[in-house]
Protein backbone atom coordinates (compact mmCIF):
# COMPACT_ATOMS: atom_id res chain seq x y z
CA MET A 1 75.17 95.62 110.89
CA VAL A 2 73.91 95.60 114.48
CA VAL A 3 71.72 92.84 115.97
CA PHE A 4 70.14 93.33 119.38
CA PHE A 5 68.27 90.45 121.02
CA GLY A 6 67.05 89.31 124.41
CA ASP A 7 64.18 89.36 126.88
CA PHE A 8 63.12 93.01 126.57
CA ASN A 9 60.09 92.43 128.84
CA TYR A 10 57.68 94.52 126.74
CA ARG A 11 54.05 93.42 127.17
CA LEU A 12 50.64 93.80 125.50
CA PHE A 13 48.48 96.73 126.58
CA GLY A 14 44.72 97.34 126.46
CA ILE A 15 43.79 93.66 126.44
CA SER A 16 42.72 91.10 129.04
CA TYR A 17 44.14 87.63 129.66
CA ASP A 18 41.14 85.87 128.17
CA GLU A 19 41.06 88.12 125.09
CA ALA A 20 44.73 87.51 124.47
CA ARG A 21 44.27 83.73 124.79
CA ASP A 22 41.37 83.83 122.33
CA PHE A 23 43.35 85.79 119.73
CA VAL A 24 46.30 83.43 120.15
CA SER A 25 44.12 80.36 119.67
CA GLN A 26 42.70 81.97 116.49
CA ARG A 27 46.24 82.98 115.44
CA SER A 28 45.02 86.56 115.03
CA PHE A 29 48.48 88.01 115.44
CA ASP A 30 47.73 91.17 113.42
CA TRP A 31 45.41 92.46 116.11
CA LEU A 32 47.77 91.47 118.90
CA ARG A 33 50.65 93.33 117.23
CA GLU A 34 48.63 96.54 117.49
CA ARG A 35 48.71 96.07 121.28
CA ASP A 36 52.48 95.45 121.45
CA GLN A 37 54.30 97.96 123.70
CA LEU A 38 57.68 97.63 121.96
CA ARG A 39 56.17 98.23 118.54
CA ALA A 40 54.42 101.38 119.82
CA GLU A 41 57.58 102.72 121.52
CA MET A 42 59.75 102.15 118.43
CA LYS A 43 57.16 103.78 116.18
CA ALA A 44 57.18 106.84 118.44
CA GLY A 45 61.00 106.95 118.24
CA ARG A 46 61.52 106.60 121.96
CA VAL A 47 63.56 103.38 121.92
CA PHE A 48 65.88 101.50 119.53
CA GLN A 49 66.08 104.35 117.03
CA GLY A 50 66.99 103.19 113.53
CA MET A 51 66.44 99.52 114.29
CA ARG A 52 63.90 97.22 112.69
CA GLU A 53 62.23 93.91 113.39
CA ALA A 54 60.86 91.25 111.10
CA LEU A 55 57.10 90.77 111.02
CA ILE A 56 55.97 88.65 113.97
CA ARG A 57 53.99 85.59 112.83
CA PHE A 58 54.37 83.40 115.91
CA PRO A 59 52.47 83.23 119.23
CA PRO A 60 53.54 85.32 122.23
CA THR A 61 56.55 83.71 123.92
CA TYR A 62 55.70 84.47 127.55
CA LYS A 63 54.54 83.26 130.08
CA PHE A 64 54.35 79.46 129.96
CA GLU A 65 54.17 76.77 132.59
CA ARG A 66 57.27 74.62 132.43
CA TYR A 67 57.15 71.20 130.80
CA LYS A 68 53.63 71.79 129.53
CA PRO A 69 53.57 71.59 125.72
CA GLY A 70 51.43 73.50 123.23
CA LEU A 71 49.45 76.73 123.56
CA SER A 72 47.65 75.28 126.53
CA GLY A 73 50.83 75.87 128.48
CA TYR A 74 50.25 79.61 128.97
CA ASP A 75 50.26 80.70 132.61
CA SER A 76 47.02 79.63 134.25
CA GLY A 77 48.10 80.24 137.83
CA GLU A 78 46.86 82.83 140.25
CA LYS A 79 48.48 85.80 138.47
CA LYS A 80 47.48 84.69 134.95
CA ARG A 81 50.02 86.88 133.25
CA ILE A 82 48.81 88.14 129.88
CA PRO A 83 50.71 86.44 127.01
CA ALA A 84 53.27 88.80 125.44
CA TRP A 85 56.19 88.92 122.99
CA CYS A 86 58.90 89.55 125.56
CA ASP A 87 61.67 87.84 123.56
CA ARG A 88 62.72 89.83 120.51
CA ILE A 89 65.42 90.18 117.86
CA LEU A 90 66.07 93.63 116.37
CA TYR A 91 68.59 94.63 113.71
CA ARG A 92 69.99 97.63 111.91
CA ASP A 93 71.74 97.71 108.54
CA THR A 94 72.67 100.70 106.35
CA ARG A 95 69.36 100.97 104.52
CA THR A 96 67.32 104.11 105.04
CA SER A 97 64.16 102.45 103.73
CA SER A 98 62.96 98.90 103.14
CA ASP A 99 63.28 99.22 99.35
CA SER A 100 66.92 100.41 99.38
CA GLU A 101 69.26 98.15 97.42
CA CYS A 102 72.80 97.18 98.32
CA SER A 103 75.39 99.56 96.87
CA LEU A 104 78.51 101.45 97.88
CA ASP A 105 76.20 104.11 99.33
CA CYS A 106 74.27 101.39 101.15
CA PRO A 107 76.91 98.70 101.72
CA VAL A 108 74.98 96.44 104.13
CA ALA A 109 71.45 95.34 103.23
CA ALA A 110 69.79 92.58 105.26
CA SER A 111 66.67 90.61 104.46
CA ILE A 112 64.81 88.20 106.73
CA LEU A 113 64.70 84.54 105.81
CA GLN A 114 63.17 83.27 109.03
CA TYR A 115 61.78 84.71 112.26
CA GLU A 116 60.10 82.23 114.57
CA ALA A 117 59.68 80.98 118.11
CA CYS A 118 60.82 77.54 119.23
CA MET A 119 57.47 76.49 120.64
CA GLU A 120 58.65 72.91 121.32
CA VAL A 121 60.94 74.07 124.15
CA THR A 122 59.27 73.46 127.53
CA ASP A 123 62.03 73.79 130.15
CA SER A 124 61.55 77.56 130.57
CA ASP A 125 58.68 79.98 131.08
CA HIS A 126 59.90 81.71 127.86
CA LYS A 127 60.02 80.33 124.33
CA PRO A 128 63.32 80.98 122.52
CA VAL A 129 63.22 83.08 119.36
CA ARG A 130 65.46 82.70 116.32
CA CYS A 131 66.02 84.81 113.24
CA LYS A 132 67.89 84.00 110.04
CA TYR A 133 69.22 86.84 107.86
CA SER A 134 70.50 87.12 104.34
CA VAL A 135 73.00 89.97 104.23
CA ASN A 136 74.33 91.59 101.08
CA VAL A 137 77.60 93.45 101.58
CA GLY A 138 78.63 95.99 98.98
CA HIS A 139 82.21 95.91 97.70
CA VAL A 140 84.28 97.58 95.06
CA ASP A 141 84.50 95.79 91.70
CA ARG A 142 88.27 95.76 91.32
CA SER A 143 88.18 95.23 87.56
CA VAL A 144 86.02 98.34 87.17
CA ARG A 145 88.30 100.27 89.52
CA ARG A 146 91.37 99.24 87.55
CA GLY A 147 89.64 100.34 84.35
CA GLU A 148 88.81 103.74 85.80
CA LEU A 149 92.35 104.13 87.10
CA GLY A 150 93.66 103.31 83.64
CA LYS A 151 91.50 106.04 82.12
CA ILE A 152 92.78 108.56 84.64
CA MET A 153 96.39 107.63 83.97
CA ARG A 154 95.90 107.85 80.20
CA TYR A 155 93.95 111.07 79.95
CA ASN A 156 94.70 113.16 83.05
CA GLU A 157 97.51 115.53 82.08
CA ASP A 158 98.65 116.13 85.65
CA ILE A 159 98.94 112.39 86.30
CA LYS A 160 100.73 111.83 82.99
CA SER A 161 103.21 114.56 83.82
CA MET A 162 103.85 113.12 87.28
CA LEU A 163 104.42 109.63 85.87
CA GLU A 164 106.88 110.98 83.33
CA GLU A 165 108.82 112.66 86.13
CA MET A 166 108.90 109.39 88.09
CA ARG A 167 110.28 107.55 85.05
CA TYR A 168 112.99 110.12 84.36
CA VAL A 169 116.59 109.00 84.93
CA PRO A 170 119.27 111.69 84.44
CA GLU A 171 121.81 111.08 81.69
CA THR A 172 124.71 109.26 83.31
CA ARG A 173 128.05 108.13 81.91
CA VAL A 174 130.22 105.33 83.27
CA SER A 175 133.91 105.44 82.36
CA THR A 176 134.22 101.73 81.50
CA ASP A 177 132.43 98.42 81.59
CA ASN A 178 135.53 96.24 81.81
CA ILE A 179 138.13 96.44 84.60
CA CYS A 180 141.25 94.30 84.93
CA LEU A 181 143.12 94.37 88.25
CA LYS A 182 146.61 92.95 88.65
CA ASN A 183 147.63 91.72 92.06
CA HIS A 184 146.57 94.35 94.62
CA GLU A 185 146.22 97.45 92.48
CA THR A 186 143.30 99.90 92.59
CA TYR A 187 141.24 101.12 89.64
CA ILE A 188 139.27 104.38 89.67
CA LEU A 189 135.85 104.09 88.02
CA ARG A 190 134.10 107.39 87.26
CA ILE A 191 130.34 108.00 87.24
CA THR A 192 129.40 111.32 85.60
CA ASN A 193 126.01 112.98 86.04
CA GLY A 194 125.19 114.80 82.81
CA SER A 195 122.06 116.47 84.15
CA PRO A 196 122.31 120.20 84.95
CA LYS A 197 119.75 120.05 87.77
CA ASP A 198 118.92 116.50 88.93
CA THR A 199 120.79 114.29 91.39
CA VAL A 200 121.71 110.70 90.54
CA VAL A 201 121.44 107.84 93.04
CA PHE A 202 123.71 104.84 92.40
CA LYS A 203 124.29 101.43 93.94
CA PHE A 204 126.60 98.52 93.08
CA LEU A 205 125.49 94.90 93.42
CA CYS A 206 127.32 91.68 92.59
CA GLU A 207 125.54 89.36 90.15
CA GLY A 208 128.07 86.52 90.24
CA GLN A 209 131.69 85.42 90.54
CA THR A 210 133.83 82.94 88.64
CA THR A 211 137.32 81.59 89.28
CA VAL A 212 139.69 80.10 86.72
CA THR A 213 140.72 76.52 87.41
CA LYS A 214 143.23 74.31 85.64
CA GLY A 215 142.89 74.35 81.88
CA ALA A 216 141.60 77.96 81.97
CA GLN A 217 138.08 76.75 82.73
CA SER A 218 135.75 79.01 84.70
CA SER A 219 133.60 77.79 87.56
CA THR A 220 130.92 79.72 89.43
CA ASP A 221 131.65 80.38 93.09
CA LEU A 222 129.04 82.31 95.07
CA ARG A 223 130.04 81.33 98.59
CA ARG A 224 132.39 84.06 99.75
CA ARG A 225 130.28 87.20 99.88
CA GLY A 226 130.46 90.47 101.76
CA SER A 227 128.06 93.42 101.84
CA TYR A 228 126.12 94.11 98.61
CA GLY A 229 127.01 90.55 97.56
CA PHE A 230 130.67 91.35 96.82
CA PRO A 231 133.24 88.58 97.23
CA LYS A 232 135.69 89.04 100.09
CA TRP A 233 138.57 89.89 97.79
CA LEU A 234 136.84 92.85 96.12
CA GLU A 235 136.35 96.25 97.74
CA ILE A 236 134.12 98.91 96.12
CA THR A 237 134.28 102.35 97.75
CA PRO A 238 131.73 103.86 97.90
CA ALA A 239 129.32 101.05 96.98
CA SER A 240 126.36 103.45 96.93
CA GLY A 241 125.77 107.17 97.05
CA LEU A 242 124.72 110.33 95.24
CA VAL A 243 126.16 112.24 92.31
CA LYS A 244 125.06 115.86 92.26
CA ALA A 245 124.01 117.62 89.07
CA GLY A 246 126.88 118.17 86.64
CA GLN A 247 129.42 116.40 88.85
CA LEU A 248 131.23 113.07 88.87
CA GLU A 249 131.94 110.48 91.53
CA GLU A 250 135.15 108.48 91.67
CA ILE A 251 134.69 104.86 92.71
CA SER A 252 137.65 102.90 94.04
CA VAL A 253 137.77 99.30 92.80
CA HIS A 254 140.39 97.46 94.81
CA HIS A 255 141.60 93.90 95.20
CA GLU A 256 141.57 93.27 98.95
CA GLU A 257 144.59 91.29 100.11
CA SER A 258 143.78 88.09 101.94
CA GLU A 259 145.09 87.28 105.39
CA GLU A 260 148.85 86.74 105.67
CA PRO A 261 149.84 83.05 105.74
CA ALA A 262 150.94 81.68 109.07
CA GLU A 263 154.70 81.50 109.68
CA GLY A 264 156.18 78.36 108.21
CA ILE A 265 153.06 77.49 106.15
CA PRO A 266 153.61 77.95 102.38
CA HIS A 267 151.27 80.17 100.39
CA ASN A 268 150.19 77.67 97.75
CA TRP A 269 150.11 79.08 94.23
CA TRP A 270 146.92 77.08 93.67
CA SER A 271 145.04 78.80 96.52
CA GLU A 272 141.92 80.68 95.44
CA ASP A 273 143.50 84.09 96.08
CA ASN A 274 146.22 83.27 93.54
CA ARG A 275 143.81 82.25 90.79
CA ASP A 276 142.30 84.58 88.22
CA LYS A 277 138.83 85.67 89.30
CA GLU A 278 136.04 87.62 87.67
CA VAL A 279 132.86 89.21 89.01
CA VAL A 280 129.93 90.78 87.22
CA LEU A 281 128.77 93.99 88.89
CA ARG A 282 125.39 95.57 88.34
CA LEU A 283 125.39 99.35 88.69
CA GLU A 284 121.86 100.62 89.37
CA ILE A 285 121.20 104.28 88.61
CA GLN A 286 118.04 106.31 89.19
CA GLY A 287 116.94 109.85 89.79
CA SER A 288 116.54 111.04 93.35
CA CYS A 289 112.76 111.40 92.85
CA SER A 290 112.17 108.66 90.27
CA MET A 291 111.16 105.01 90.49
CA GLU A 292 112.70 103.96 87.17
CA VAL A 293 116.08 102.21 87.40
CA MET A 294 118.74 102.04 84.69
CA THR A 295 121.46 99.39 84.96
CA HIS A 296 125.03 99.08 83.73
CA GLN A 297 126.95 95.81 83.75
CA ILE A 298 130.63 96.01 84.66
CA ARG A 299 133.03 93.09 84.58
CA VAL A 300 135.91 93.14 87.05
CA ARG A 301 138.68 90.61 86.47
CA HIS A 302 141.63 90.03 88.75
CA CYS A 303 144.74 88.53 87.20
CA PHE A 304 147.39 87.12 89.52
CA THR A 305 150.84 87.75 88.00
CA GLY A 306 153.14 86.14 90.60
CA LYS A 307 156.19 84.48 88.97
CA SER A 308 156.88 81.88 91.65
CA THR A 309 156.71 78.31 90.43
CA ARG A 310 157.31 76.36 93.64
CA THR A 311 154.60 75.73 96.20
CA ASP A 312 156.97 75.85 99.20
CA SER A 313 158.25 79.43 98.73
CA LYS A 314 156.78 82.78 99.66
CA PRO A 315 155.90 85.02 96.70
CA SER A 316 158.13 88.02 96.15
CA SER A 317 155.11 90.36 96.42
CA SER A 318 154.80 89.52 100.12
CA ILE A 319 158.47 90.41 100.68
CA SER A 320 158.03 93.68 98.81
CA LYS A 321 155.00 94.58 100.84
CA LYS A 322 156.95 94.23 104.06
CA GLY A 323 159.82 96.32 102.76
CA GLN A 324 162.32 93.46 102.93
CA GLY A 325 163.57 93.54 99.33
CA GLY A 326 162.70 94.29 95.75
CA GLY A 327 159.98 92.73 93.67
CA GLY A 328 162.40 90.38 91.80
CA SER A 329 164.04 87.19 92.97
CA ASN A 330 167.65 85.97 92.72
CA SER A 331 169.31 82.60 92.75
CA GLU A 332 169.67 82.69 96.52
CA ASP A 333 165.86 82.56 96.93
CA TRP A 334 165.70 79.05 95.52
CA LYS A 335 168.49 77.44 97.50
């Protein structure tokens, strides 16, 4: 909607000062409107094309003597300017005719509630003009739109076929759903794509971790996390990727060794890295062009099998890793 207002300075033509004053005093505005220059120019299409104005039912707003109230305040000086509607408010909405109703084809329909001059104002030679509109703005009924969309999705064969393709997840096999790691060993998990033509997209996420405390009780511990939510001690390689049609992907599940203890500081058997731990992995699988996701839950448990019983000795696994002896211990280790 466009509103244009101001002092356009259009006057009355074909009428004298005295005639205009007489018609104003008789409130014969119909006759005066026929002498309005702006009305004639708009009707001829020479100015303000497509714009409209409410019906004028108020006296001409120019020219008045300042601080002189009432209709007696029209210019009575030497020039005696003929009263005129210089101050106007024009508007344009989307209607092509006055009887057009608001719709999506005609989204903005304005109606006039008030169009008047502020005749009580006396501190100017013009009288201000004000206009109040009621504007209807067309909008889409979302419930109707959802209903129409539902019909299309139910009955349009092309749409139904496309949705089926987006829901399709290639047949995929996972070699196991339960992995047990001992110390720092690595387990190979296999993901097999059974589809002859479609690619599988996979991603591992960690849903939670527990550690075994005294008395074989489990407690949730979600603090130590790496990428994809994995705990620091667990390494999944690769954690995400593609499996081409008819092929398999080998996933390395490895217990990551913690930092070596500082020289002279015992590696306590009760440290978290020496306790049994378990994580629940969520394997998300989908087609390369689909939005549907299938999930597999895989439990990975790490069992610490160190045989040391004293808290002030280094475990034999650390010695073996450095190449300084076998995995067993002898009586000299405990002296």
